[in-house]
PDB file of N, CA and C in Angstrom:
ATOM      1  N   UNK A   1     -14.956   9.713 -10.103  1.00  0.00           N
ATOM      2  CA  UNK A   1     -13.567   9.198 -10.011  1.00  0.00           C
ATOM      3  C   UNK A   1     -13.197   8.880  -8.782  1.00  0.00           C
ATOM      4  N   UNK A   2     -12.635   7.630  -8.456  1.00  0.00           N
ATOM      5  CA  UNK A   2     -12.713   6.780  -7.510  1.00  0.00           C
ATOM      6  C   UNK A   2     -11.330   8.064  -7.155  1.00  0.00           C
ATOM      7  N   UNK A   3     -11.430   8.471  -5.355  1.00  0.00           N
ATOM      8  CA  UNK A   3     -10.211   9.147  -4.973  1.00  0.00           C
ATOM      9  C   UNK A   3      -9.570   8.523  -3.352  1.00  0.00           C
ATOM     10  N   UNK A   4      -8.138   8.113  -3.675  1.00  0.00           N
ATOM     11  CA  UNK A   4      -7.628   7.793  -2.715  1.00  0.00           C
ATOM     12  C   UNK A   4      -6.520   9.028  -1.644  1.00  0.00           C
ATOM     13  N   UNK A   5      -6.806   8.287  -0.273  1.00  0.00           N
ATOM     14  CA  UNK A   5      -5.929   9.235   0.642  1.00  0.00           C
ATOM     15  C   UNK A   5      -5.498   8.234   1.456  1.00  0.00           C
ATOM     16  N   UNK A   6      -3.956   8.640   1.344  1.00  0.00           N
ATOM     17  CA  UNK A   6      -3.266   7.886   1.920  1.00  0.00           C
ATOM     18  C   UNK A   6      -2.696   8.042   3.955  1.00  0.00           C
ATOM     19  N   UNK A   7      -2.994   7.254   4.644  1.00  0.00           N
ATOM     20  CA  UNK A   7      -2.325   7.638   6.135  1.00  0.00           C
ATOM     21  C   UNK A   7      -1.480   6.768   6.612  1.00  0.00           C
ATOM     22  N   UNK A   8      -0.577   7.690   7.985  1.00  0.00           N
ATOM     23  CA  UNK A   8       0.304   6.396   9.035  1.00  0.00           C
ATOM     24  C   UNK A   8       1.999   5.757   8.399  1.00  0.00           C
ATOM     25  N   UNK A   9       1.937   6.667   7.161  1.00  0.00           N
ATOM     26  CA  UNK A   9       3.653   7.098   6.750  1.00  0.00           C
ATOM     27  C   UNK A   9       3.764   7.647   8.662  1.00  0.00           C
ATOM     28  N   UNK A  10       5.808   7.507   8.961  1.00  0.00           N
ATOM     29  CA  UNK A  10       6.053   8.144   9.898  1.00  0.00           C
ATOM     30  C   UNK A  10       7.747   7.532   9.739  1.00  0.00           C
ATOM     31  N   UNK A  11       8.353   8.082  10.863  1.00  0.00           N
ATOM     32  CA  UNK A  11       9.487   7.770  11.075  1.00  0.00           C
ATOM     33  C   UNK A  11       9.638   6.645  11.791  1.00  0.00           C
ATOM     34  N   UNK A  12      10.387   5.423  11.166  1.00  0.00           N
ATOM     35  CA  UNK A  12      10.571   4.353  12.430  1.00  0.00           C
ATOM     36  C   UNK A  12      11.770   3.788  12.490  1.00  0.00           C
ATOM     37  N   UNK A  13      11.978   2.614  13.587  1.00  0.00           N
ATOM     38  CA  UNK A  13      13.664   2.407  13.850  1.00  0.00           C
ATOM     39  C   UNK A  13      13.353   1.062  13.093  1.00  0.00           C
ATOM     40  N   UNK A  14      14.695   0.375  12.611  1.00  0.00           N
ATOM     41  CA  UNK A  14      14.291  -0.547  12.577  1.00  0.00           C
ATOM     42  C   UNK A  14      14.148  -1.628  13.250  1.00  0.00           C
ATOM     43  N   UNK A  15      13.214  -2.407  12.372  1.00  0.00           N
ATOM     44  CA  UNK A  15      12.770  -3.826  12.984  1.00  0.00           C
ATOM     45  C   UNK A  15      11.230  -2.973  13.947  1.00  0.00           C
ATOM     46  N   UNK A  16      10.851  -1.645  13.446  1.00  0.00           N
ATOM     47  CA  UNK A  16       9.904  -1.520  13.859  1.00  0.00           C
ATOM     48  C   UNK A  16       8.074  -1.753  13.207  1.00  0.00           C
ATOM     49  N   UNK A  17       7.135  -1.172  13.481  1.00  0.00           N
ATOM     50  CA  UNK A  17       6.145  -1.573  12.618  1.00  0.00           C
ATOM     51  C   UNK A  17       5.159  -0.194  12.736  1.00  0.00           C
ATOM     52  N   UNK A  18       4.972  -0.651  11.162  1.00  0.00           N
ATOM     53  CA  UNK A  18       4.048   0.958  10.861  1.00  0.00           C
ATOM     54  C   UNK A  18       2.404  -0.322  10.518  1.00  0.00           C
ATOM     55  N   UNK A  19       1.217   0.859  10.483  1.00  0.00           N
ATOM     56  CA  UNK A  19       0.394   0.502   9.643  1.00  0.00           C
ATOM     57  C   UNK A  19      -0.080   1.927   8.574  1.00  0.00           C
ATOM     58  N   UNK A  20       0.009   1.433   7.269  1.00  0.00           N
ATOM     59  CA  UNK A  20      -0.409   2.600   6.473  1.00  0.00           C
ATOM     60  C   UNK A  20      -1.617   1.768   6.119  1.00  0.00           C
ATOM     61  N   UNK A  21      -2.666   3.383   5.746  1.00  0.00           N
ATOM     62  CA  UNK A  21      -4.173   2.682   5.371  1.00  0.00           C
ATOM     63  C   UNK A  21      -4.768   4.106   4.320  1.00  0.00           C
ATOM     64  N   UNK A  22      -5.621   3.516   3.421  1.00  0.00           N
ATOM     65  CA  UNK A  22      -6.032   3.737   2.382  1.00  0.00           C
ATOM     66  C   UNK A  22      -7.272   4.185   2.268  1.00  0.00           C
ATOM     67  N   UNK A  23      -8.179   5.974   2.230  1.00  0.00           N
ATOM     68  CA  UNK A  23      -8.927   5.728   2.526  1.00  0.00           C
ATOM     69  C   UNK A  23      -9.887   6.163   0.992  1.00  0.00           C
ATOM     70  N   UNK A  24     -10.935   5.453   0.347  1.00  0.00           N
ATOM     71  CA  UNK A  24     -11.619   5.687  -0.440  1.00  0.00           C
ATOM     72  C   UNK A  24     -12.471   5.945  -0.257  1.00  0.00           C
ATOM     73  N   UNK A  25     -12.892   7.678  -1.990  1.00  0.00           N
ATOM     74  CA  UNK A  25     -14.217   8.241  -1.939  1.00  0.00           C
ATOM     75  C   UNK A  25     -15.752   7.997  -1.646  1.00  0.00           C
ATOM     76  N   UNK A  26     -15.408   6.296  -2.425  1.00  0.00           N
ATOM     77  CA  UNK A  26     -16.889   6.067  -2.547  1.00  0.00           C
ATOM     78  C   UNK A  26     -17.104   4.554  -1.856  1.00  0.00           C
ATOM     79  N   UNK A  27     -18.167   3.798  -2.507  1.00  0.00           N
ATOM     80  CA  UNK A  27     -17.687   2.585  -2.259  1.00  0.00           C
ATOM     81  C   UNK A  27     -17.423   1.699  -3.756  1.00  0.00           C
ATOM     82  N   UNK A  28     -17.259   2.209  -5.013  1.00  0.00           N
ATOM     83  CA  UNK A  28     -17.181   1.981  -6.286  1.00  0.00           C
ATOM     84  C   UNK A  28     -15.697   1.140  -5.233  1.00  0.00           C
ATOM     85  N   UNK A  29     -14.718   1.463  -4.401  1.00  0.00           N
ATOM     86  CA  UNK A  29     -13.327   0.697  -3.937  1.00  0.00           C
ATOM     87  C   UNK A  29     -13.862  -0.704  -3.905  1.00  0.00           C
ATOM     88  N   UNK A  30     -15.185  -1.040  -3.180  1.00  0.00           N
ATOM     89  CA  UNK A  30     -15.334  -2.570  -2.983  1.00  0.00           C
ATOM     90  C   UNK A  30     -14.766  -3.235  -4.581  1.00  0.00           C
ATOM     91  N   UNK A  31     -15.494  -3.039  -5.273  1.00  0.00           N
ATOM     92  CA  UNK A  31     -15.136  -3.421  -6.285  1.00  0.00           C
ATOM     93  C   UNK A  31     -13.781  -3.765  -7.653  1.00  0.00           C
ATOM     94  N   UNK A  32     -13.311  -2.958  -6.397  1.00  0.00           N
ATOM     95  CA  UNK A  32     -11.110  -2.400  -7.225  1.00  0.00           C
ATOM     96  C   UNK A  32     -10.302  -3.394  -6.111  1.00  0.00           C
ATOM     97  N   UNK A  33      -9.499  -3.555  -7.251  1.00  0.00           N
ATOM     98  CA  UNK A  33      -8.534  -4.507  -6.458  1.00  0.00           C
ATOM     99  C   UNK A  33      -7.312  -3.359  -5.809  1.00  0.00           C
ATOM    100  N   UNK A  34      -6.471  -3.444  -4.790  1.00  0.00           N
ATOM    101  CA  UNK A  34      -6.098  -1.848  -3.998  1.00  0.00           C
ATOM    102  C   UNK A  34      -4.972  -2.409  -3.723  1.00  0.00           C
ATOM    103  N   UNK A  35      -4.206  -1.785  -4.429  1.00  0.00           N
ATOM    104  CA  UNK A  35      -2.946  -2.023  -4.544  1.00  0.00           C
ATOM    105  C   UNK A  35      -1.822  -1.136  -3.529  1.00  0.00           C
ATOM    106  N   UNK A  36      -0.178  -1.447  -3.230  1.00  0.00           N
ATOM    107  CA  UNK A  36       0.420  -0.917  -2.441  1.00  0.00           C
ATOM    108  C   UNK A  36       1.847  -0.201  -2.711  1.00  0.00           C
ATOM    109  N   UNK A  37       2.692   0.320  -3.142  1.00  0.00           N
ATOM    110  CA  UNK A  37       3.342   0.795  -3.975  1.00  0.00           C
ATOM    111  C   UNK A  37       4.360   1.433  -2.954  1.00  0.00           C
ATOM    112  N   UNK A  38       5.640   1.703  -3.812  1.00  0.00           N
ATOM    113  CA  UNK A  38       6.582   1.942  -3.067  1.00  0.00           C
ATOM    114  C   UNK A  38       7.812   2.705  -3.662  1.00  0.00           C
ATOM    115  N   UNK A  39       8.123   4.259  -3.211  1.00  0.00           N
ATOM    116  CA  UNK A  39       9.199   4.613  -5.058  1.00  0.00           C
ATOM    117  C   UNK A  39      10.241   5.160  -3.424  1.00  0.00           C
ATOM    118  N   UNK A  40      11.119   5.000  -3.831  1.00  0.00           N
ATOM    119  CA  UNK A  40      12.491   5.663  -3.078  1.00  0.00           C
ATOM    120  C   UNK A  40      12.475   6.347  -3.665  1.00  0.00           C
ATOM    121  N   UNK A  41      14.130   7.047  -3.078  1.00  0.00           N
ATOM    122  CA  UNK A  41      14.525   8.384  -3.639  1.00  0.00           C
ATOM    123  C   UNK A  41      15.453   8.110  -4.941  1.00  0.00           C
ATOM    124  N   UNK A  42      14.881   9.068  -5.939  1.00  0.00           N
ATOM    125  CA  UNK A  42      16.113   8.473  -7.491  1.00  0.00           C
ATOM    126  C   UNK A  42      15.298   7.005  -8.170  1.00  0.00           C
ATOM    127  N   UNK A  43      14.717   6.307  -7.545  1.00  0.00           N
ATOM    128  CA  UNK A  43      14.040   4.939  -7.820  1.00  0.00           C
ATOM    129  C   UNK A  43      12.781   5.027  -8.802  1.00  0.00           C
ATOM    130  N   UNK A  44      12.513   3.816  -9.507  1.00  0.00           N
ATOM    131  CA  UNK A  44      11.345   3.574 -10.023  1.00  0.00           C
ATOM    132  C   UNK A  44      10.696   3.108  -9.007  1.00  0.00           C
ATOM    133  N   UNK A  45       9.197   3.145  -8.810  1.00  0.00           N
ATOM    134  CA  UNK A  45       7.857   2.958  -8.362  1.00  0.00           C
ATOM    135  C   UNK A  45       7.629   1.309  -8.283  1.00  0.00           C
ATOM    136  N   UNK A  46       7.775   0.971  -7.150  1.00  0.00           N
ATOM    137  CA  UNK A  46       7.429  -0.937  -7.401  1.00  0.00           C
ATOM    138  C   UNK A  46       6.008  -1.020  -6.730  1.00  0.00           C
ATOM    139  N   UNK A  47       5.754  -2.284  -7.390  1.00  0.00           N
ATOM    140  CA  UNK A  47       4.172  -2.988  -6.510  1.00  0.00           C
ATOM    141  C   UNK A  47       5.151  -3.266  -5.288  1.00  0.00           C
ATOM    142  N   UNK A  48       4.370  -3.617  -3.791  1.00  0.00           N
ATOM    143  CA  UNK A  48       4.562  -3.901  -3.355  1.00  0.00           C
ATOM    144  C   UNK A  48       3.627  -5.120  -2.462  1.00  0.00           C
ATOM    145  N   UNK A  49       2.779  -4.574  -2.873  1.00  0.00           N
ATOM    146  CA  UNK A  49       1.189  -5.916  -2.066  1.00  0.00           C
ATOM    147  C   UNK A  49       0.127  -5.505  -2.797  1.00  0.00           C
ATOM    148  N   UNK A  50      -0.721  -6.045  -3.037  1.00  0.00           N
ATOM    149  CA  UNK A  50      -2.243  -6.057  -3.593  1.00  0.00           C
ATOM    150  C   UNK A  50      -3.317  -7.410  -2.769  1.00  0.00           C
ATOM    151  N   UNK A  51      -4.259  -6.552  -3.048  1.00  0.00           N
ATOM    152  CA  UNK A  51      -5.246  -7.206  -2.723  1.00  0.00           C
ATOM    153  C   UNK A  51      -6.595  -7.095  -3.510  1.00  0.00           C
ATOM    154  N   UNK A  52      -7.150  -8.468  -3.839  1.00  0.00           N
ATOM    155  CA  UNK A  52      -8.071  -8.165  -4.966  1.00  0.00           C
ATOM    156  C   UNK A  52      -9.169  -7.743  -4.006  1.00  0.00           C
ATOM    157  N   UNK A  53     -10.278  -7.694  -4.972  1.00  0.00           N
ATOM    158  CA  UNK A  53     -11.818  -7.566  -4.620  1.00  0.00           C
ATOM    159  C   UNK A  53     -12.282  -9.032  -4.345  1.00  0.00           C
ATOM    160  N   UNK A  54     -11.850  -9.378  -4.630  1.00  0.00           N
ATOM    161  CA  UNK A  54     -12.359 -10.672  -3.701  1.00  0.00           C
ATOM    162  C   UNK A  54     -11.839 -11.446  -2.267  1.00  0.00           C
ATOM    163  N   UNK A  55     -10.588 -10.720  -1.766  1.00  0.00           N
ATOM    164  CA  UNK A  55      -9.382 -11.213  -0.977  1.00  0.00           C
ATOM    165  C   UNK A  55      -8.016 -11.821  -1.168  1.00  0.00           C
ATOM    166  N   UNK A  56      -8.335 -12.033  -2.771  1.00  0.00           N
ATOM    167  CA  UNK A  56      -6.106 -12.422  -3.013  1.00  0.00           C
ATOM    168  C   UNK A  56      -5.315 -11.522  -2.039  1.00  0.00           C
ATOM    169  N   UNK A  57      -4.213 -12.126  -2.501  1.00  0.00           N
ATOM    170  CA  UNK A  57      -3.485 -11.153  -1.869  1.00  0.00           C
ATOM    171  C   UNK A  57      -1.988 -11.965  -2.943  1.00  0.00           C
ATOM    172  N   UNK A  58      -0.968 -10.789  -2.734  1.00  0.00           N
ATOM    173  CA  UNK A  58       0.813 -11.134  -3.071  1.00  0.00           C
ATOM    174  C   UNK A  58       0.899 -10.319  -3.231  1.00  0.00           C
ATOM    175  N   UNK A  59       2.306 -10.405  -2.927  1.00  0.00           N
ATOM    176  CA  UNK A  59       3.301  -9.588  -2.439  1.00  0.00           C
ATOM    177  C   UNK A  59       4.803  -9.510  -2.868  1.00  0.00           C
ATOM    178  N   UNK A  60       5.634  -8.419  -2.796  1.00  0.00           N
ATOM    179  CA  UNK A  60       6.669  -8.573  -3.368  1.00  0.00           C
ATOM    180  C   UNK A  60       7.598  -9.570  -2.459  1.00  0.00           C
ATOM    181  N   UNK A  61       9.373 -10.194  -2.868  1.00  0.00           N
ATOM    182  CA  UNK A  61       9.461 -11.167  -2.497  1.00  0.00           C
ATOM    183  C   UNK A  61      10.242 -10.894  -1.832  1.00  0.00           C
ATOM    184  N   UNK A  62      10.575  -8.683  -1.697  1.00  0.00           N
ATOM    185  CA  UNK A  62      11.387  -8.241  -0.439  1.00  0.00           C
ATOM    186  C   UNK A  62      10.637  -7.845   0.879  1.00  0.00           C
ATOM    187  N   UNK A  63       8.671  -8.569   0.600  1.00  0.00           N
ATOM    188  CA  UNK A  63       7.865  -8.543   2.408  1.00  0.00           C
ATOM    189  C   UNK A  63       7.938  -9.320   2.087  1.00  0.00           C
ATOM    190  N   UNK A  64       7.677 -10.315   2.066  1.00  0.00           N
ATOM    191  CA  UNK A  64       7.022 -11.421   2.557  1.00  0.00           C
ATOM    192  C   UNK A  64       7.026 -12.138   3.723  1.00  0.00           C
ATOM    193  N   UNK A  65       6.681 -12.547   4.613  1.00  0.00           N
ATOM    194  CA  UNK A  65       6.677 -13.206   5.965  1.00  0.00           C
ATOM    195  C   UNK A  65       6.259 -11.168   6.929  1.00  0.00           C
ATOM    196  N   UNK A  66       6.797 -10.290   6.616  1.00  0.00           N
ATOM    197  CA  UNK A  66       6.880  -8.831   6.682  1.00  0.00           C
ATOM    198  C   UNK A  66       5.753  -7.920   6.676  1.00  0.00           C
ATOM    199  N   UNK A  67       5.278  -7.744   5.941  1.00  0.00           N
ATOM    200  CA  UNK A  67       3.903  -7.089   5.451  1.00  0.00           C
ATOM    201  C   UNK A  67       2.436  -8.204   5.442  1.00  0.00           C
ATOM    202  N   UNK A  68       1.299  -7.351   5.462  1.00  0.00           N
ATOM    203  CA  UNK A  68       0.337  -7.841   5.144  1.00  0.00           C
ATOM    204  C   UNK A  68      -0.582  -6.435   4.550  1.00  0.00           C
ATOM    205  N   UNK A  69      -1.470  -7.154   4.170  1.00  0.00           N
ATOM    206  CA  UNK A  69      -2.590  -6.075   3.039  1.00  0.00           C
ATOM    207  C   UNK A  69      -4.003  -6.652   3.646  1.00  0.00           C
ATOM    208  N   UNK A  70      -4.572  -6.026   3.281  1.00  0.00           N
ATOM    209  CA  UNK A  70      -6.083  -5.989   4.032  1.00  0.00           C
ATOM    210  C   UNK A  70      -7.125  -5.009   3.701  1.00  0.00           C
ATOM    211  N   UNK A  71      -8.389  -5.508   3.926  1.00  0.00           N
ATOM    212  CA  UNK A  71      -9.582  -4.071   3.241  1.00  0.00           C
ATOM    213  C   UNK A  71     -10.344  -4.247   4.850  1.00  0.00           C
ATOM    214  N   UNK A  72     -11.347  -2.977   4.270  1.00  0.00           N
ATOM    215  CA  UNK A  72     -12.413  -3.269   5.249  1.00  0.00           C
ATOM    216  C   UNK A  72     -13.386  -2.324   4.609  1.00  0.00           C
ATOM    217  N   UNK A  73     -14.112  -3.266   3.454  1.00  0.00           N
ATOM    218  CA  UNK A  73     -15.133  -2.930   2.889  1.00  0.00           C
ATOM    219  C   UNK A  73     -16.162  -1.272   3.101  1.00  0.00           C
ATOM    220  N   UNK A  74     -16.739  -1.768   4.734  1.00  0.00           N
ATOM    221  CA  UNK A  74     -17.668  -1.149   4.829  1.00  0.00           C
ATOM    222  C   UNK A  74     -17.110   0.036   5.478  1.00  0.00           C
ATOM    223  N   UNK A  75     -15.576   0.155   5.849  1.00  0.00           N
ATOM    224  CA  UNK A  75     -15.085   1.733   5.798  1.00  0.00           C
ATOM    225  C   UNK A  75     -14.445   1.798   4.991  1.00  0.00           C
ATOM    226  N   UNK A  76     -14.721   1.317   3.493  1.00  0.00           N
ATOM    227  CA  UNK A  76     -13.629   1.960   2.263  1.00  0.00           C
ATOM    228  C   UNK A  76     -12.009   2.186   2.538  1.00  0.00           C
ATOM    229  N   UNK A  77     -11.505   1.245   3.078  1.00  0.00           N
ATOM    230  CA  UNK A  77      -9.919   0.825   4.224  1.00  0.00           C
ATOM    231  C   UNK A  77      -9.725   0.396   3.174  1.00  0.00           C
ATOM    232  N   UNK A  78      -8.377   0.527   2.866  1.00  0.00           N
ATOM    233  CA  UNK A  78      -7.154  -0.944   3.315  1.00  0.00           C
ATOM    234  C   UNK A  78      -6.377  -0.501   4.115  1.00  0.00           C
ATOM    235  N   UNK A  79      -5.412  -1.117   3.989  1.00  0.00           N
ATOM    236  CA  UNK A  79      -4.019  -1.103   5.490  1.00  0.00           C
ATOM    237  C   UNK A  79      -2.951  -2.138   4.611  1.00  0.00           C
ATOM    238  N   UNK A  80      -1.815  -1.564   4.949  1.00  0.00           N
ATOM    239  CA  UNK A  80      -0.177  -2.391   4.609  1.00  0.00           C
ATOM    240  C   UNK A  80      -0.372  -2.274   5.938  1.00  0.00           C
ATOM    241  N   UNK A  81      -0.083  -3.302   6.427  1.00  0.00           N
ATOM    242  CA  UNK A  81       0.839  -3.785   7.931  1.00  0.00           C
ATOM    243  C   UNK A  81       1.944  -4.029   7.379  1.00  0.00           C
ATOM    244  N   UNK A  82       2.853  -3.291   8.268  1.00  0.00           N
ATOM    245  CA  UNK A  82       4.419  -3.370   7.615  1.00  0.00           C
ATOM    246  C   UNK A  82       5.069  -3.932   9.483  1.00  0.00           C
ATOM    247  N   UNK A  83       5.791  -4.807   9.486  1.00  0.00           N
ATOM    248  CA  UNK A  83       6.735  -5.328  10.512  1.00  0.00           C
ATOM    249  C   UNK A  83       8.347  -5.802  10.487  1.00  0.00           C
ATOM    250  N   UNK A  84       8.577  -5.551  11.166  1.00  0.00           N
ATOM    251  CA  UNK A  84      10.232  -5.840  11.279  1.00  0.00           C
ATOM    252  C   UNK A  84      10.944  -4.870   9.837  1.00  0.00           C
ATOM    253  N   UNK A  85      10.738  -3.334  10.183  1.00  0.00           N
ATOM    254  CA  UNK A  85      11.128  -2.654   8.395  1.00  0.00           C
ATOM    255  C   UNK A  85      12.130  -2.401   8.958  1.00  0.00           C
ATOM    256  N   UNK A  86      13.105  -2.233   7.432  1.00  0.00           N
ATOM    257  CA  UNK A  86      14.238  -1.969   7.186  1.00  0.00           C
ATOM    258  C   UNK A  86      14.134  -0.848   6.594  1.00  0.00           C
ATOM    259  N   UNK A  87      15.505  -0.309   6.685  1.00  0.00           N
ATOM    260  CA  UNK A  87      15.759   0.947   6.247  1.00  0.00           C
ATOM    261  C   UNK A  87      16.119   0.706   4.128  1.00  0.00           C
ATOM    262  N   UNK A  88      15.821  -0.226   4.173  1.00  0.00           N
ATOM    263  CA  UNK A  88      15.599  -0.331   2.690  1.00  0.00           C
ATOM    264  C   UNK A  88      14.108  -0.157   2.219  1.00  0.00           C
ATOM    265  N   UNK A  89      13.482  -0.822   3.151  1.00  0.00           N
ATOM    266  CA  UNK A  89      11.632  -0.217   3.308  1.00  0.00           C
ATOM    267  C   UNK A  89      11.422   0.946   3.136  1.00  0.00           C
ATOM    268  N   UNK A  90      12.090   2.008   2.981  1.00  0.00           N
ATOM    269  CA  UNK A  90      12.028   3.625   3.016  1.00  0.00           C
ATOM    270  C   UNK A  90      11.163   3.774   1.622  1.00  0.00           C
ATOM    271  N   UNK A  91      10.805   5.169   1.689  1.00  0.00           N
ATOM    272  CA  UNK A  91      10.027   5.305   0.422  1.00  0.00           C
ATOM    273  C   UNK A  91       8.370   6.004   0.687  1.00  0.00           C
ATOM    274  N   UNK A  92       8.272   6.973  -0.942  1.00  0.00           N
ATOM    275  CA  UNK A  92       6.916   6.729  -0.319  1.00  0.00           C
ATOM    276  C   UNK A  92       5.507   6.033  -0.751  1.00  0.00           C
ATOM    277  N   UNK A  93       5.073   5.644  -0.143  1.00  0.00           N
ATOM    278  CA  UNK A  93       4.183   4.710  -0.359  1.00  0.00           C
ATOM    279  C   UNK A  93       2.575   5.225  -1.009  1.00  0.00           C
ATOM    280  N   UNK A  94       2.902   4.621  -2.534  1.00  0.00           N
ATOM    281  CA  UNK A  94       1.063   4.699  -2.745  1.00  0.00           C
ATOM    282  C   UNK A  94       0.035   3.890  -2.507  1.00  0.00           C
ATOM    283  N   UNK A  95      -1.500   4.275  -3.112  1.00  0.00           N
ATOM    284  CA  UNK A  95      -1.974   3.148  -2.936  1.00  0.00           C
ATOM    285  C   UNK A  95      -2.576   3.312  -4.321  1.00  0.00           C
ATOM    286  N   UNK A  96      -3.136   2.422  -4.752  1.00  0.00           N
ATOM    287  CA  UNK A  96      -4.041   2.732  -6.041  1.00  0.00           C
ATOM    288  C   UNK A  96      -5.372   1.747  -6.611  1.00  0.00           C
ATOM    289  N   UNK A  97      -5.934   1.647  -7.510  1.00  0.00           N
ATOM    290  CA  UNK A  97      -6.823   0.755  -7.696  1.00  0.00           C
ATOM    291  C   UNK A  97      -6.927   0.808  -9.028  1.00  0.00           C
ATOM    292  N   UNK A  98      -7.778  -0.808  -9.304  1.00  0.00           N
ATOM    293  CA  UNK A  98      -8.305  -1.138 -10.655  1.00  0.00           C
ATOM    294  C   UNK A  98      -8.736  -1.843 -10.676  1.00  0.00           C
ATOM    295  N   UNK A  99      -9.289  -2.907 -11.930  1.00  0.00           N
ATOM    296  CA  UNK A  99      -9.992  -3.920 -12.086  1.00  0.00           C
ATOM    297  C   UNK A  99      -9.636  -5.076 -10.968  1.00  0.00           C
ATOM    298  N   UNK A 100      -7.817  -5.205 -11.035  1.00  0.00           N
ATOM    299  CA  UNK A 100      -7.322  -6.454 -10.717  1.00  0.00           C
ATOM    300  C   UNK A 100      -5.986  -5.689 -10.453  1.00  0.00           C
ATOM    301  N   UNK A 101      -5.390  -7.365  -9.826  1.00  0.00           N
ATOM    302  CA  UNK A 101      -3.677  -7.219  -9.658  1.00  0.00           C
ATOM    303  C   UNK A 101      -2.603  -7.008 -10.226  1.00  0.00           C
ATOM    304  N   UNK A 102      -3.158  -7.733 -11.412  1.00  0.00           N
ATOM    305  CA  UNK A 102      -2.617  -8.143 -12.617  1.00  0.00           C
ATOM    306  C   UNK A 102      -2.525  -6.461 -13.816  1.00  0.00           C
ATOM    307  N   UNK A 103      -3.166  -5.631 -13.526  1.00  0.00           N
ATOM    308  CA  UNK A 103      -3.001  -4.542 -14.495  1.00  0.00           C
ATOM    309  C   UNK A 103      -1.573  -4.007 -14.643  1.00  0.00           C
ATOM    310  N   UNK A 104      -0.906  -3.756 -15.246  1.00  0.00           N
ATOM    311  CA  UNK A 104       0.208  -3.076 -15.763  1.00  0.00           C
ATOM    312  C   UNK A 104       0.072  -1.737 -15.245  1.00  0.00           C
ATOM    313  N   UNK A 105      -0.929  -1.299 -15.614  1.00  0.00           N
ATOM    314  CA  UNK A 105      -1.535   0.343 -14.889  1.00  0.00           C
ATOM    315  C   UNK A 105      -2.242   0.724 -14.453  1.00  0.00           C
ATOM    316  N   UNK A 106      -2.284   1.166 -12.901  1.00  0.00           N
ATOM    317  CA  UNK A 106      -3.573   1.584 -12.366  1.00  0.00           C
ATOM    318  C   UNK A 106      -4.248   2.784 -12.418  1.00  0.00           C
ATOM    319  N   UNK A 107      -5.031   3.081 -12.926  1.00  0.00           N
ATOM    320  CA  UNK A 107      -6.294   4.046 -12.998  1.00  0.00           C
ATOM    321  C   UNK A 107      -6.013   4.797 -12.157  1.00  0.00           C
ATOM    322  N   UNK A 108      -6.519   4.915 -10.692  1.00  0.00           N
ATOM    323  CA  UNK A 108      -6.435   5.373  -9.375  1.00  0.00           C
ATOM    324  C   UNK A 108      -5.459   5.297  -8.070  1.00  0.00           C
ATOM    325  N   UNK A 109      -5.115   6.700  -8.361  1.00  0.00           N
ATOM    326  CA  UNK A 109      -3.769   7.378  -7.309  1.00  0.00           C
ATOM    327  C   UNK A 109      -4.139   7.822  -6.367  1.00  0.00           C
ATOM    328  N   UNK A 110      -3.787   8.057  -5.186  1.00  0.00           N
ATOM    329  CA  UNK A 110      -3.652   8.790  -3.753  1.00  0.00           C
ATOM    330  C   UNK A 110      -2.153   9.699  -4.205  1.00  0.00           C
ATOM    331  N   UNK A 111      -2.003  10.525  -3.197  1.00  0.00           N
ATOM    332  CA  UNK A 111      -1.026  11.138  -3.704  1.00  0.00           C
ATOM    333  C   UNK A 111       0.657  11.120  -2.397  1.00  0.00           C
ATOM    334  N   UNK A 112       0.443   9.619  -1.861  1.00  0.00           N
ATOM    335  CA  UNK A 112       1.521   9.329  -1.383  1.00  0.00           C
ATOM    336  C   UNK A 112       1.619   9.364   0.592  1.00  0.00           C
ATOM    337  N   UNK A 113       2.381   8.806   1.228  1.00  0.00           N
ATOM    338  CA  UNK A 113       3.148   9.146   2.275  1.00  0.00           C
ATOM    339  C   UNK A 113       3.699   8.205   2.855  1.00  0.00           C
ATOM    340  N   UNK A 114       4.918   9.556   3.551  1.00  0.00           N
ATOM    341  CA  UNK A 114       6.332   9.075   2.944  1.00  0.00           C
ATOM    342  C   UNK A 114       6.162   8.108   4.424  1.00  0.00           C
ATOM    343  N   UNK A 115       7.750   7.000   4.503  1.00  0.00           N
ATOM    344  CA  UNK A 115       8.157   5.776   5.560  1.00  0.00           C
ATOM    345  C   UNK A 115       9.393   6.489   5.366  1.00  0.00           C
ATOM    346  N   UNK A 116       9.969   6.221   6.791  1.00  0.00           N
ATOM    347  CA  UNK A 116      11.533   6.340   7.029  1.00  0.00           C
ATOM    348  C   UNK A 116      12.277   5.254   8.059  1.00  0.00           C
ATOM    349  N   UNK A 117      12.822   4.792   7.523  1.00  0.00           N
ATOM    350  CA  UNK A 117      13.042   3.322   8.179  1.00  0.00           C
ATOM    351  C   UNK A 117      14.566   4.027   8.862  1.00  0.00           C
ATOM    352  N   UNK A 118      14.980   4.686  10.005  1.00  0.00           N
ATOM    353  CA  UNK A 118      15.930   5.009  10.598  1.00  0.00           C
ATOM    354  C   UNK A 118      16.247   4.975  12.310  1.00  0.00           C
ATOM    355  N   UNK A 119      17.907   4.526  12.246  1.00  0.00           N
ATOM    356  CA  UNK A 119      17.921   4.424  14.134  1.00  0.00           C
ATOM    357  C   UNK A 119      18.211   5.809  13.876  1.00  0.00           C
TER     358      UNK A 119
END
């Protein structure tokens, strides 16, 4: 079973940047779409960005132009580069994997990494 581990969460000031990483346990990673979700306190978990196994990407409207998603299949790792962070970007960020970015329910999940945006 694919295992995912997120890292890179931190406290950052508004306008700052963070790079999150999602490391996978094996090379089946290369055949999965990888998505990043955010869950703010008391709110549901929402899709932030996704990258297919072919490299196609999609983003939530709220992060377009500020966030980029990428993957390094040789390292079994996906990344979420977040620039110009806003307080409303804060939350627990989870990476997930499944066959396509269009899946309603992703099969594999990490445990999350905390992002706090505050001055």
